[in-house]
């Protein structure tokens, strides 16, 4: 499998992206990675690590997109950016999937233009795996791709998320919940109330509204919301996990008993970090595109990039885009007739 990596994307690129690419090809002999970016910088990073392998190659891109650049401006003016070139490789078939920790808005806009949407899907959505008490994890969709949505968008997010969990993670008949401010169907804004009606009338295993305090219990396998709410939920979760970790370390370091206890609990804390840190999950697929595109955290470490590349490889290997296309074609036409009638 060939993964094109936006090697200039991310707060600490290209050091972290090159590191992640090396770790990924070491982890899987089936992988090859195309580093896309400034050739001189990338060759220097590889040289410093004394790494040489035919499974890592370089494709030069003369431009870099900043994290704060407006998406449409970057798409129009930076046609030779590392994001654009990496996605072009997927479009032409030179790569099977693309990974970027760069400007997510630009990645999405460029991916829409180059890869296109699965027929019938209005908007792609970011699907993020998050830890849970029951079932170990759940899928949050949309985690930030679409700030403004209508009920049909959320309905389609639910269908894509349900298919992803069922086909990729082998979750039998995934339970779908709608993120809201109360369990009652009458609670919420117009978007959630109308979305509730569509989901309730569908053939999905819809369990109703789910409040923010309940999502980590794992009662729902797929939690659906618009990208504005989803991104806030994601960032609050990341911040809370980091804050709890720092508070615990502060308390441990503050007493002899704490330090002694930590000696016996190191394995527990290590496992906790592994379950809650974003680097362990690598990246989030942009569901709804014709070909695989994985978006990673801007602060991604080498480990996070490695895991994102492995996610991209798994996404491609399982044929998720084709699976969603078939699922959507066979189910969505019937479901959307119901939705339109509502």
C-alpha atoms as a PDB file:
ATOM      1  CA  UNK A   1       0.000   0.000   0.000  1.00  0.00           C
ATOM      2  CA  UNK A   2       1.254   3.429  -0.956  1.00  0.00           C
ATOM      3  CA  UNK A   3       0.492   6.351   1.355  1.00  0.00           C
ATOM      4  CA  UNK A   4       1.135   9.947   0.321  1.00  0.00           C
ATOM      5  CA  UNK A   5       2.068  12.039   3.336  1.00  0.00           C
ATOM      6  CA  UNK A   6       1.831  15.818   3.507  1.00  0.00           C
ATOM      7  CA  UNK A   7       5.296  16.039   5.022  1.00  0.00           C
ATOM      8  CA  UNK A   8       5.087  19.817   5.576  1.00  0.00           C
ATOM      9  CA  UNK A   9       1.789  19.728   7.469  1.00  0.00           C
ATOM     10  CA  UNK A  10       1.694  20.094  11.243  1.00  0.00           C
ATOM     11  CA  UNK A  11       3.177  22.266  13.958  1.00  0.00           C
ATOM     12  CA  UNK A  12       6.456  20.339  14.081  1.00  0.00           C
ATOM     13  CA  UNK A  13       6.819  19.232  10.457  1.00  0.00           C
ATOM     14  CA  UNK A  14       8.851  18.010   8.702  1.00  0.00           C
ATOM     15  CA  UNK A  15      10.740  16.459  11.636  1.00  0.00           C
ATOM     16  CA  UNK A  16       7.685  14.675  13.028  1.00  0.00           C
ATOM     17  CA  UNK A  17       6.294  13.624   9.650  1.00  0.00           C
ATOM     18  CA  UNK A  18       9.569  12.070   8.541  1.00  0.00           C
ATOM     19  CA  UNK A  19       9.908  10.347  11.923  1.00  0.00           C
ATOM     20  CA  UNK A  20       6.363   9.002  11.634  1.00  0.00           C
ATOM     21  CA  UNK A  21       6.935   7.751   8.093  1.00  0.00           C
ATOM     22  CA  UNK A  22      10.041   5.854   9.184  1.00  0.00           C
ATOM     23  CA  UNK A  23       8.215   4.295  12.145  1.00  0.00           C
ATOM     24  CA  UNK A  24       5.293   3.315   9.898  1.00  0.00           C
ATOM     25  CA  UNK A  25       7.369   1.442   7.315  1.00  0.00           C
ATOM     26  CA  UNK A  26       9.216  -0.289  10.132  1.00  0.00           C
ATOM     27  CA  UNK A  27       5.877  -1.328  11.651  1.00  0.00           C
ATOM     28  CA  UNK A  28       4.472  -2.733   8.399  1.00  0.00           C
ATOM     29  CA  UNK A  29       6.390  -4.324   5.553  1.00  0.00           C
ATOM     30  CA  UNK A  30       3.362  -3.863   3.302  1.00  0.00           C
ATOM     31  CA  UNK A  31       3.641  -0.069   3.428  1.00  0.00           C
ATOM     32  CA  UNK A  32       5.464   2.471   1.341  1.00  0.00           C
ATOM     33  CA  UNK A  33       5.291   6.206   2.017  1.00  0.00           C
ATOM     34  CA  UNK A  34       5.695   9.110  -0.388  1.00  0.00           C
ATOM     35  CA  UNK A  35       6.903  12.191   1.495  1.00  0.00           C
ATOM     36  CA  UNK A  36       5.487  15.287  -0.194  1.00  0.00           C
ATOM     37  CA  UNK A  37       7.183  18.625   0.403  1.00  0.00           C
ATOM     38  CA  UNK A  38      10.433  20.513   0.053  1.00  0.00           C
ATOM     39  CA  UNK A  39      12.914  17.948  -1.294  1.00  0.00           C
ATOM     40  CA  UNK A  40      15.989  19.518   0.327  1.00  0.00           C
ATOM     41  CA  UNK A  41      14.398  19.642   3.782  1.00  0.00           C
ATOM     42  CA  UNK A  42      13.085  16.100   3.539  1.00  0.00           C
ATOM     43  CA  UNK A  43      16.377  14.671   2.320  1.00  0.00           C
ATOM     44  CA  UNK A  44      18.102  16.429   5.210  1.00  0.00           C
ATOM     45  CA  UNK A  45      15.663  14.951   7.741  1.00  0.00           C
ATOM     46  CA  UNK A  46      16.184  11.442   6.345  1.00  0.00           C
ATOM     47  CA  UNK A  47      19.950  11.923   6.303  1.00  0.00           C
ATOM     48  CA  UNK A  48      20.023  13.082   9.932  1.00  0.00           C
ATOM     49  CA  UNK A  49      18.197   9.894  10.905  1.00  0.00           C
ATOM     50  CA  UNK A  50      20.580   7.828   8.753  1.00  0.00           C
ATOM     51  CA  UNK A  51      17.581   6.174   7.155  1.00  0.00           C
ATOM     52  CA  UNK A  52      17.468   4.886   3.616  1.00  0.00           C
ATOM     53  CA  UNK A  53      14.798   2.613   2.183  1.00  0.00           C
ATOM     54  CA  UNK A  54      13.148   2.102  -1.175  1.00  0.00           C
ATOM     55  CA  UNK A  55       9.822   2.168   0.698  1.00  0.00           C
ATOM     56  CA  UNK A  56      10.185   5.884   1.448  1.00  0.00           C
ATOM     57  CA  UNK A  57      10.380   8.260  -1.488  1.00  0.00           C
ATOM     58  CA  UNK A  58      10.090  12.015  -1.957  1.00  0.00           C
ATOM     59  CA  UNK A  59       7.829  14.050  -4.251  1.00  0.00           C
ATOM     60  CA  UNK A  60       8.783  17.712  -4.378  1.00  0.00           C
ATOM     61  CA  UNK A  61       6.183  20.395  -3.645  1.00  0.00           C
ATOM     62  CA  UNK A  62       7.286  24.017  -3.780  1.00  0.00           C
ATOM     63  CA  UNK A  63       4.589  25.533  -1.541  1.00  0.00           C
ATOM     64  CA  UNK A  64       3.403  25.101   2.034  1.00  0.00           C
ATOM     65  CA  UNK A  65      -0.040  26.007   3.393  1.00  0.00           C
ATOM     66  CA  UNK A  66      -0.073  27.804   6.745  1.00  0.00           C
ATOM     67  CA  UNK A  67      -2.384  26.636   9.519  1.00  0.00           C
ATOM     68  CA  UNK A  68      -4.279  29.943   9.485  1.00  0.00           C
ATOM     69  CA  UNK A  69      -4.727  30.361   5.725  1.00  0.00           C
ATOM     70  CA  UNK A  70      -8.319  30.568   4.393  1.00  0.00           C
ATOM     71  CA  UNK A  71      -9.146  27.313   2.573  1.00  0.00           C
ATOM     72  CA  UNK A  72     -10.354  28.726  -0.740  1.00  0.00           C
ATOM     73  CA  UNK A  73      -7.465  31.198  -0.953  1.00  0.00           C
ATOM     74  CA  UNK A  74      -4.958  28.389  -0.440  1.00  0.00           C
ATOM     75  CA  UNK A  75      -6.707  26.134  -2.969  1.00  0.00           C
ATOM     76  CA  UNK A  76      -6.635  28.840  -5.646  1.00  0.00           C
ATOM     77  CA  UNK A  77      -3.171  30.279  -5.031  1.00  0.00           C
ATOM     78  CA  UNK A  78      -1.141  27.301  -3.872  1.00  0.00           C
ATOM     79  CA  UNK A  79      -1.666  24.628  -6.499  1.00  0.00           C
ATOM     80  CA  UNK A  80       1.799  23.186  -5.820  1.00  0.00           C
ATOM     81  CA  UNK A  81       1.364  22.936  -2.045  1.00  0.00           C
ATOM     82  CA  UNK A  82       2.279  19.735  -0.231  1.00  0.00           C
ATOM     83  CA  UNK A  83      -1.430  19.178   0.485  1.00  0.00           C
ATOM     84  CA  UNK A  84      -2.426  19.576  -3.162  1.00  0.00           C
ATOM     85  CA  UNK A  85       0.376  17.398  -4.530  1.00  0.00           C
ATOM     86  CA  UNK A  86      -0.250  14.656  -1.945  1.00  0.00           C
ATOM     87  CA  UNK A  87      -3.930  14.500  -2.898  1.00  0.00           C
ATOM     88  CA  UNK A  88      -3.089  14.588  -6.602  1.00  0.00           C
ATOM     89  CA  UNK A  89      -1.057  11.413  -6.115  1.00  0.00           C
ATOM     90  CA  UNK A  90      -4.174   9.691  -4.760  1.00  0.00           C
ATOM     91  CA  UNK A  91      -6.305  11.081  -7.562  1.00  0.00           C
ATOM     92  CA  UNK A  92      -3.976   9.718 -10.252  1.00  0.00           C
ATOM     93  CA  UNK A  93      -3.544   6.355  -8.522  1.00  0.00           C
ATOM     94  CA  UNK A  94       0.134   6.824  -7.660  1.00  0.00           C
ATOM     95  CA  UNK A  95      -0.891   6.559  -3.992  1.00  0.00           C
ATOM     96  CA  UNK A  96      -3.732   4.662  -2.334  1.00  0.00           C
ATOM     97  CA  UNK A  97      -4.454   7.083   0.507  1.00  0.00           C
ATOM     98  CA  UNK A  98      -3.353  10.479   1.826  1.00  0.00           C
ATOM     99  CA  UNK A  99      -2.457  11.691   5.336  1.00  0.00           C
ATOM    100  CA  UNK A 100      -2.074  15.288   6.524  1.00  0.00           C
ATOM    101  CA  UNK A 101      -1.648  17.047   9.866  1.00  0.00           C
ATOM    102  CA  UNK A 102      -1.862  20.401   8.105  1.00  0.00           C
ATOM    103  CA  UNK A 103      -4.667  22.926   7.713  1.00  0.00           C
ATOM    104  CA  UNK A 104      -7.766  20.696   7.927  1.00  0.00           C
ATOM    105  CA  UNK A 105      -9.987  23.195   6.111  1.00  0.00           C
ATOM    106  CA  UNK A 106      -7.597  23.279   3.162  1.00  0.00           C
ATOM    107  CA  UNK A 107      -7.270  19.482   3.203  1.00  0.00           C
ATOM    108  CA  UNK A 108     -11.037  19.102   3.033  1.00  0.00           C
ATOM    109  CA  UNK A 109     -11.531  21.731   0.311  1.00  0.00           C
ATOM    110  CA  UNK A 110      -8.720  20.292  -1.818  1.00  0.00           C
ATOM    111  CA  UNK A 111      -9.891  16.710  -1.262  1.00  0.00           C
ATOM    112  CA  UNK A 112     -13.403  17.621  -2.375  1.00  0.00           C
ATOM    113  CA  UNK A 113     -12.003  19.154  -5.546  1.00  0.00           C
ATOM    114  CA  UNK A 114      -9.518  16.388  -6.380  1.00  0.00           C
ATOM    115  CA  UNK A 115     -11.125  13.209  -5.034  1.00  0.00           C
ATOM    116  CA  UNK A 116     -14.813  14.076  -5.176  1.00  0.00           C
ATOM    117  CA  UNK A 117     -17.711  12.904  -3.024  1.00  0.00           C
ATOM    118  CA  UNK A 118     -19.395   9.530  -3.057  1.00  0.00           C
ATOM    119  CA  UNK A 119     -22.550   9.978  -5.195  1.00  0.00           C
ATOM    120  CA  UNK A 120     -25.534  10.986  -3.101  1.00  0.00           C
ATOM    121  CA  UNK A 121     -23.540  12.291  -0.147  1.00  0.00           C
ATOM    122  CA  UNK A 122     -23.943  16.008   0.389  1.00  0.00           C
ATOM    123  CA  UNK A 123     -20.932  16.626   2.644  1.00  0.00           C
ATOM    124  CA  UNK A 124     -17.998  14.546   3.874  1.00  0.00           C
ATOM    125  CA  UNK A 125     -17.493  14.393   7.649  1.00  0.00           C
ATOM    126  CA  UNK A 126     -14.578  13.811  10.004  1.00  0.00           C
ATOM    127  CA  UNK A 127     -15.022  10.578  11.963  1.00  0.00           C
ATOM    128  CA  UNK A 128     -12.971  10.440  15.157  1.00  0.00           C
ATOM    129  CA  UNK A 129     -12.486   7.402  17.401  1.00  0.00           C
ATOM    130  CA  UNK A 130     -12.718   8.276  21.109  1.00  0.00           C
ATOM    131  CA  UNK A 131     -12.342   6.159  24.295  1.00  0.00           C
ATOM    132  CA  UNK A 132     -15.359   4.767  26.155  1.00  0.00           C
ATOM    133  CA  UNK A 133     -16.053   2.642  29.232  1.00  0.00           C
ATOM    134  CA  UNK A 134     -18.206   0.143  27.360  1.00  0.00           C
ATOM    135  CA  UNK A 135     -16.862  -1.299  24.129  1.00  0.00           C
ATOM    136  CA  UNK A 136     -13.561   0.585  24.604  1.00  0.00           C
ATOM    137  CA  UNK A 137     -14.337   3.300  22.036  1.00  0.00           C
ATOM    138  CA  UNK A 138     -17.011   5.119  20.060  1.00  0.00           C
ATOM    139  CA  UNK A 139     -17.109   7.162  16.854  1.00  0.00           C
ATOM    140  CA  UNK A 140     -17.788  10.912  16.919  1.00  0.00           C
ATOM    141  CA  UNK A 141     -19.035  12.317  13.606  1.00  0.00           C
ATOM    142  CA  UNK A 142     -18.731  15.157  12.520  1.00  0.00           C
ATOM    143  CA  UNK A 143     -15.642  16.273  14.443  1.00  0.00           C
ATOM    144  CA  UNK A 144     -15.116  19.552  12.626  1.00  0.00           C
ATOM    145  CA  UNK A 145     -15.527  19.416   8.854  1.00  0.00           C
ATOM    146  CA  UNK A 146     -18.938  21.132   8.672  1.00  0.00           C
ATOM    147  CA  UNK A 147     -19.735  24.036  10.971  1.00  0.00           C
ATOM    148  CA  UNK A 148     -23.242  24.620   9.612  1.00  0.00           C
ATOM    149  CA  UNK A 149     -25.429  21.589   8.899  1.00  0.00           C
ATOM    150  CA  UNK A 150     -29.025  20.706   8.128  1.00  0.00           C
ATOM    151  CA  UNK A 151     -30.905  17.627   9.376  1.00  0.00           C
ATOM    152  CA  UNK A 152     -30.209  15.656   6.196  1.00  0.00           C
ATOM    153  CA  UNK A 153     -26.466  16.198   6.697  1.00  0.00           C
ATOM    154  CA  UNK A 154     -26.646  14.698  10.193  1.00  0.00           C
ATOM    155  CA  UNK A 155     -28.755  11.847   8.849  1.00  0.00           C
ATOM    156  CA  UNK A 156     -26.059  11.056   6.271  1.00  0.00           C
ATOM    157  CA  UNK A 157     -23.294  11.366   8.898  1.00  0.00           C
ATOM    158  CA  UNK A 158     -25.142   8.760  10.947  1.00  0.00           C
ATOM    159  CA  UNK A 159     -25.375   6.375   8.003  1.00  0.00           C
ATOM    160  CA  UNK A 160     -21.671   6.740   7.130  1.00  0.00           C
ATOM    161  CA  UNK A 161     -20.587   6.382  10.746  1.00  0.00           C
ATOM    162  CA  UNK A 162     -22.759   3.318  11.258  1.00  0.00           C
ATOM    163  CA  UNK A 163     -21.335   1.659   8.138  1.00  0.00           C
ATOM    164  CA  UNK A 164     -17.771   2.509   9.196  1.00  0.00           C
ATOM    165  CA  UNK A 165     -18.174   0.985  12.660  1.00  0.00           C
ATOM    166  CA  UNK A 166     -19.896  -2.096  11.313  1.00  0.00           C
ATOM    167  CA  UNK A 167     -17.510  -2.831   8.465  1.00  0.00           C
ATOM    168  CA  UNK A 168     -14.145  -1.671   9.831  1.00  0.00           C
ATOM    169  CA  UNK A 169     -14.517  -2.434  13.549  1.00  0.00           C
ATOM    170  CA  UNK A 170     -16.956  -5.341  13.173  1.00  0.00           C
ATOM    171  CA  UNK A 171     -19.508  -3.817  15.552  1.00  0.00           C
ATOM    172  CA  UNK A 172     -22.736  -5.725  15.082  1.00  0.00           C
ATOM    173  CA  UNK A 173     -25.724  -3.421  14.504  1.00  0.00           C
ATOM    174  CA  UNK A 174     -24.026  -0.236  15.874  1.00  0.00           C
ATOM    175  CA  UNK A 175     -26.100   1.936  18.181  1.00  0.00           C
ATOM    176  CA  UNK A 176     -26.465   5.514  16.963  1.00  0.00           C
ATOM    177  CA  UNK A 177     -27.006   8.435  19.333  1.00  0.00           C
ATOM    178  CA  UNK A 178     -27.651  12.117  18.585  1.00  0.00           C
ATOM    179  CA  UNK A 179     -25.603  14.486  20.739  1.00  0.00           C
ATOM    180  CA  UNK A 180     -27.926  16.918  22.475  1.00  0.00           C
ATOM    181  CA  UNK A 181     -28.825  18.708  25.711  1.00  0.00           C
ATOM    182  CA  UNK A 182     -31.361  16.182  26.965  1.00  0.00           C
ATOM    183  CA  UNK A 183     -32.703  12.695  26.375  1.00  0.00           C
ATOM    184  CA  UNK A 184     -36.214  13.862  25.463  1.00  0.00           C
ATOM    185  CA  UNK A 185     -36.838  14.245  21.733  1.00  0.00           C
ATOM    186  CA  UNK A 186     -38.423  17.673  22.287  1.00  0.00           C
ATOM    187  CA  UNK A 187     -35.197  19.108  23.744  1.00  0.00           C
ATOM    188  CA  UNK A 188     -32.574  20.890  21.671  1.00  0.00           C
ATOM    189  CA  UNK A 189     -32.448  23.353  18.826  1.00  0.00           C
ATOM    190  CA  UNK A 190     -34.243  23.025  15.505  1.00  0.00           C
ATOM    191  CA  UNK A 191     -31.350  21.101  13.985  1.00  0.00           C
ATOM    192  CA  UNK A 192     -31.326  18.375  16.620  1.00  0.00           C
ATOM    193  CA  UNK A 193     -35.104  18.129  16.870  1.00  0.00           C
ATOM    194  CA  UNK A 194     -35.542  17.705  13.126  1.00  0.00           C
ATOM    195  CA  UNK A 195     -32.574  15.346  12.924  1.00  0.00           C
ATOM    196  CA  UNK A 196     -34.124  13.265  15.708  1.00  0.00           C
ATOM    197  CA  UNK A 197     -37.236  12.760  13.564  1.00  0.00           C
ATOM    198  CA  UNK A 198     -35.230  11.596  10.560  1.00  0.00           C
ATOM    199  CA  UNK A 199     -33.100   9.194  12.561  1.00  0.00           C
ATOM    200  CA  UNK A 200     -36.059   7.796  14.478  1.00  0.00           C
ATOM    201  CA  UNK A 201     -37.903   6.997  11.233  1.00  0.00           C
ATOM    202  CA  UNK A 202     -34.842   5.290   9.687  1.00  0.00           C
ATOM    203  CA  UNK A 203     -33.736   1.660   9.827  1.00  0.00           C
ATOM    204  CA  UNK A 204     -30.650   2.591  11.834  1.00  0.00           C
ATOM    205  CA  UNK A 205     -30.325   1.310  15.389  1.00  0.00           C
ATOM    206  CA  UNK A 206     -31.106   4.767  16.758  1.00  0.00           C
ATOM    207  CA  UNK A 207     -31.168   4.996  20.559  1.00  0.00           C
ATOM    208  CA  UNK A 208     -32.234   8.647  20.743  1.00  0.00           C
ATOM    209  CA  UNK A 209     -30.579  11.739  22.151  1.00  0.00           C
ATOM    210  CA  UNK A 210     -27.440  11.369  24.225  1.00  0.00           C
ATOM    211  CA  UNK A 211     -26.067  14.042  26.530  1.00  0.00           C
ATOM    212  CA  UNK A 212     -22.424  15.070  26.646  1.00  0.00           C
ATOM    213  CA  UNK A 213     -21.919  13.493  30.073  1.00  0.00           C
ATOM    214  CA  UNK A 214     -23.029  10.120  28.711  1.00  0.00           C
ATOM    215  CA  UNK A 215     -20.980   9.723  25.541  1.00  0.00           C
ATOM    216  CA  UNK A 216     -17.956   8.236  27.344  1.00  0.00           C
ATOM    217  CA  UNK A 217     -20.089   5.513  28.896  1.00  0.00           C
ATOM    218  CA  UNK A 218     -20.205   3.863  25.489  1.00  0.00           C
ATOM    219  CA  UNK A 219     -23.979   3.515  25.293  1.00  0.00           C
ATOM    220  CA  UNK A 220     -23.770   4.662  21.667  1.00  0.00           C
ATOM    221  CA  UNK A 221     -21.284   3.285  19.154  1.00  0.00           C
ATOM    222  CA  UNK A 222     -21.785   6.303  16.888  1.00  0.00           C
ATOM    223  CA  UNK A 223     -22.403   9.807  18.264  1.00  0.00           C
ATOM    224  CA  UNK A 224     -23.717  12.242  15.656  1.00  0.00           C
ATOM    225  CA  UNK A 225     -23.518  16.041  15.703  1.00  0.00           C
ATOM    226  CA  UNK A 226     -22.623  18.987  13.493  1.00  0.00           C
ATOM    227  CA  UNK A 227     -18.962  19.883  13.083  1.00  0.00           C
ATOM    228  CA  UNK A 228     -19.157  22.973  15.304  1.00  0.00           C
ATOM    229  CA  UNK A 229     -20.392  21.018  18.310  1.00  0.00           C
ATOM    230  CA  UNK A 230     -18.226  18.008  17.486  1.00  0.00           C
ATOM    231  CA  UNK A 231     -14.997  19.968  17.294  1.00  0.00           C
ATOM    232  CA  UNK A 232     -15.708  21.692  20.612  1.00  0.00           C
ATOM    233  CA  UNK A 233     -16.461  18.315  22.217  1.00  0.00           C
ATOM    234  CA  UNK A 234     -13.243  16.890  20.786  1.00  0.00           C
ATOM    235  CA  UNK A 235     -11.035  19.777  21.932  1.00  0.00           C
ATOM    236  CA  UNK A 236     -12.594  19.884  25.426  1.00  0.00           C
ATOM    237  CA  UNK A 237     -12.001  16.140  25.724  1.00  0.00           C
ATOM    238  CA  UNK A 238      -8.351  16.482  24.708  1.00  0.00           C
ATOM    239  CA  UNK A 239      -7.823  19.370  27.109  1.00  0.00           C
ATOM    240  CA  UNK A 240      -9.522  17.555  29.980  1.00  0.00           C
ATOM    241  CA  UNK A 241      -7.428  14.409  29.461  1.00  0.00           C
ATOM    242  CA  UNK A 242      -4.220  16.470  29.492  1.00  0.00           C
ATOM    243  CA  UNK A 243      -5.341  18.438  32.563  1.00  0.00           C
ATOM    244  CA  UNK A 244      -6.208  15.282  34.520  1.00  0.00           C
ATOM    245  CA  UNK A 245      -2.839  13.766  33.630  1.00  0.00           C
ATOM    246  CA  UNK A 246      -0.961  16.858  34.809  1.00  0.00           C
ATOM    247  CA  UNK A 247      -3.032  17.104  37.998  1.00  0.00           C
ATOM    248  CA  UNK A 248      -2.269  13.485  38.835  1.00  0.00           C
ATOM    249  CA  UNK A 249       1.443  13.950  38.262  1.00  0.00           C
ATOM    250  CA  UNK A 250       1.398  17.068  40.425  1.00  0.00           C
ATOM    251  CA  UNK A 251      -0.342  15.230  43.255  1.00  0.00           C
ATOM    252  CA  UNK A 252       2.001  12.257  42.939  1.00  0.00           C
ATOM    253  CA  UNK A 253       5.111  14.423  43.017  1.00  0.00           C
ATOM    254  CA  UNK A 254       3.804  16.347  46.012  1.00  0.00           C
ATOM    255  CA  UNK A 255       4.203  13.564  48.577  1.00  0.00           C
ATOM    256  CA  UNK A 256       6.417  10.605  49.382  1.00  0.00           C
ATOM    257  CA  UNK A 257       3.388   8.317  49.500  1.00  0.00           C
ATOM    258  CA  UNK A 258       2.378   9.474  46.057  1.00  0.00           C
ATOM    259  CA  UNK A 259       5.810   8.748  44.615  1.00  0.00           C
ATOM    260  CA  UNK A 260       5.905   5.306  46.205  1.00  0.00           C
ATOM    261  CA  UNK A 261       2.407   4.571  44.952  1.00  0.00           C
ATOM    262  CA  UNK A 262       3.348   5.677  41.452  1.00  0.00           C
ATOM    263  CA  UNK A 263       6.145   3.113  41.395  1.00  0.00           C
ATOM    264  CA  UNK A 264       3.544   0.354  41.702  1.00  0.00           C
ATOM    265  CA  UNK A 265       0.997   2.085  39.455  1.00  0.00           C
ATOM    266  CA  UNK A 266       3.194   3.013  36.483  1.00  0.00           C
ATOM    267  CA  UNK A 267       1.587   0.377  34.291  1.00  0.00           C
ATOM    268  CA  UNK A 268      -1.891   1.670  35.121  1.00  0.00           C
ATOM    269  CA  UNK A 269      -0.983   5.248  34.249  1.00  0.00           C
ATOM    270  CA  UNK A 270       0.689   4.114  31.034  1.00  0.00           C
ATOM    271  CA  UNK A 271      -2.448   2.257  29.959  1.00  0.00           C
ATOM    272  CA  UNK A 272      -4.630   5.250  30.877  1.00  0.00           C
ATOM    273  CA  UNK A 273      -2.515   7.548  28.709  1.00  0.00           C
ATOM    274  CA  UNK A 274      -2.627   5.064  25.864  1.00  0.00           C
ATOM    275  CA  UNK A 275      -6.428   5.017  25.928  1.00  0.00           C
ATOM    276  CA  UNK A 276      -6.898   8.780  26.165  1.00  0.00           C
ATOM    277  CA  UNK A 277      -4.080  10.405  24.182  1.00  0.00           C
ATOM    278  CA  UNK A 278      -4.877  11.488  20.624  1.00  0.00           C
ATOM    279  CA  UNK A 279      -1.506  10.200  19.359  1.00  0.00           C
ATOM    280  CA  UNK A 280      -2.683   6.620  19.921  1.00  0.00           C
ATOM    281  CA  UNK A 281      -5.558   7.071  17.475  1.00  0.00           C
ATOM    282  CA  UNK A 282      -3.387   8.735  14.827  1.00  0.00           C
ATOM    283  CA  UNK A 283      -5.877  10.374  12.523  1.00  0.00           C
ATOM    284  CA  UNK A 284      -9.504  10.631  11.527  1.00  0.00           C
ATOM    285  CA  UNK A 285     -10.874   9.613   8.126  1.00  0.00           C
ATOM    286  CA  UNK A 286     -12.851  12.085   6.080  1.00  0.00           C
ATOM    287  CA  UNK A 287     -15.846   9.866   5.348  1.00  0.00           C
ATOM    288  CA  UNK A 288     -17.803  10.475   2.170  1.00  0.00           C
ATOM    289  CA  UNK A 289     -14.917  10.921  -0.284  1.00  0.00           C
ATOM    290  CA  UNK A 290     -14.286   8.578  -3.193  1.00  0.00           C
ATOM    291  CA  UNK A 291     -10.779   7.791  -1.942  1.00  0.00           C
ATOM    292  CA  UNK A 292      -9.131   7.674   1.511  1.00  0.00           C
ATOM    293  CA  UNK A 293      -8.024  10.913   3.151  1.00  0.00           C
ATOM    294  CA  UNK A 294      -6.902  10.987   6.797  1.00  0.00           C
ATOM    295  CA  UNK A 295      -6.712  14.176   8.864  1.00  0.00           C
ATOM    296  CA  UNK A 296      -4.333  14.266  11.832  1.00  0.00           C
ATOM    297  CA  UNK A 297      -3.965  16.639  14.767  1.00  0.00           C
ATOM    298  CA  UNK A 298      -1.874  19.731  14.056  1.00  0.00           C
ATOM    299  CA  UNK A 299       0.264  18.941  17.099  1.00  0.00           C
ATOM    300  CA  UNK A 300       0.907  15.397  15.936  1.00  0.00           C
ATOM    301  CA  UNK A 301       4.089  13.738  17.146  1.00  0.00           C
ATOM    302  CA  UNK A 302       6.014  11.174  15.141  1.00  0.00           C
ATOM    303  CA  UNK A 303       4.024   8.457  16.879  1.00  0.00           C
ATOM    304  CA  UNK A 304       0.733  10.113  15.925  1.00  0.00           C
ATOM    305  CA  UNK A 305       1.831  10.383  12.288  1.00  0.00           C
ATOM    306  CA  UNK A 306       2.851   6.726  12.296  1.00  0.00           C
ATOM    307  CA  UNK A 307      -0.563   5.704  13.611  1.00  0.00           C
ATOM    308  CA  UNK A 308      -2.312   7.965  11.105  1.00  0.00           C
ATOM    309  CA  UNK A 309      -0.447   6.236   8.271  1.00  0.00           C
ATOM    310  CA  UNK A 310      -1.504   2.852   9.666  1.00  0.00           C
ATOM    311  CA  UNK A 311      -5.121   4.099   9.856  1.00  0.00           C
ATOM    312  CA  UNK A 312      -4.888   5.167   6.206  1.00  0.00           C
ATOM    313  CA  UNK A 313      -3.560   1.753   5.230  1.00  0.00           C
ATOM    314  CA  UNK A 314      -6.360  -0.026   7.093  1.00  0.00           C
ATOM    315  CA  UNK A 315      -8.952   2.290   5.560  1.00  0.00           C
ATOM    316  CA  UNK A 316      -7.699   1.448   2.083  1.00  0.00           C
ATOM    317  CA  UNK A 317      -7.314  -2.278   2.768  1.00  0.00           C
ATOM    318  CA  UNK A 318     -10.902  -2.620   3.976  1.00  0.00           C
ATOM    319  CA  UNK A 319     -12.274  -0.642   1.020  1.00  0.00           C
ATOM    320  CA  UNK A 320     -14.275   1.672   3.249  1.00  0.00           C
ATOM    321  CA  UNK A 321     -15.123   4.186   0.525  1.00  0.00           C
ATOM    322  CA  UNK A 322     -16.537   1.442  -1.708  1.00  0.00           C
ATOM    323  CA  UNK A 323     -18.373  -0.107   1.231  1.00  0.00           C
ATOM    324  CA  UNK A 324     -19.990   3.211   2.176  1.00  0.00           C
ATOM    325  CA  UNK A 325     -20.861   3.827  -1.457  1.00  0.00           C
ATOM    326  CA  UNK A 326     -22.627   0.473  -1.687  1.00  0.00           C
ATOM    327  CA  UNK A 327     -24.285   0.921   1.702  1.00  0.00           C
ATOM    328  CA  UNK A 328     -25.422   4.380   0.765  1.00  0.00           C
ATOM    329  CA  UNK A 329     -26.701   3.299  -2.600  1.00  0.00           C
ATOM    330  CA  UNK A 330     -28.723   0.410  -1.225  1.00  0.00           C
ATOM    331  CA  UNK A 331     -30.045   2.062   1.924  1.00  0.00           C
ATOM    332  CA  UNK A 332     -29.903   5.804   1.446  1.00  0.00           C
ATOM    333  CA  UNK A 333     -32.318   6.004  -1.449  1.00  0.00           C
ATOM    334  CA  UNK A 334     -35.003   4.348   0.659  1.00  0.00           C
ATOM    335  CA  UNK A 335     -34.049   6.259   3.806  1.00  0.00           C
ATOM    336  CA  UNK A 336     -33.920   9.624   2.085  1.00  0.00           C
ATOM    337  CA  UNK A 337     -37.402   9.163   0.691  1.00  0.00           C
ATOM    338  CA  UNK A 338     -38.549   8.889   4.278  1.00  0.00           C
ATOM    339  CA  UNK A 339     -36.377  11.862   5.230  1.00  0.00           C
ATOM    340  CA  UNK A 340     -37.722  14.016   2.417  1.00  0.00           C
ATOM    341  CA  UNK A 341     -41.275  13.121   3.317  1.00  0.00           C
ATOM    342  CA  UNK A 342     -40.662  14.333   6.854  1.00  0.00           C
END
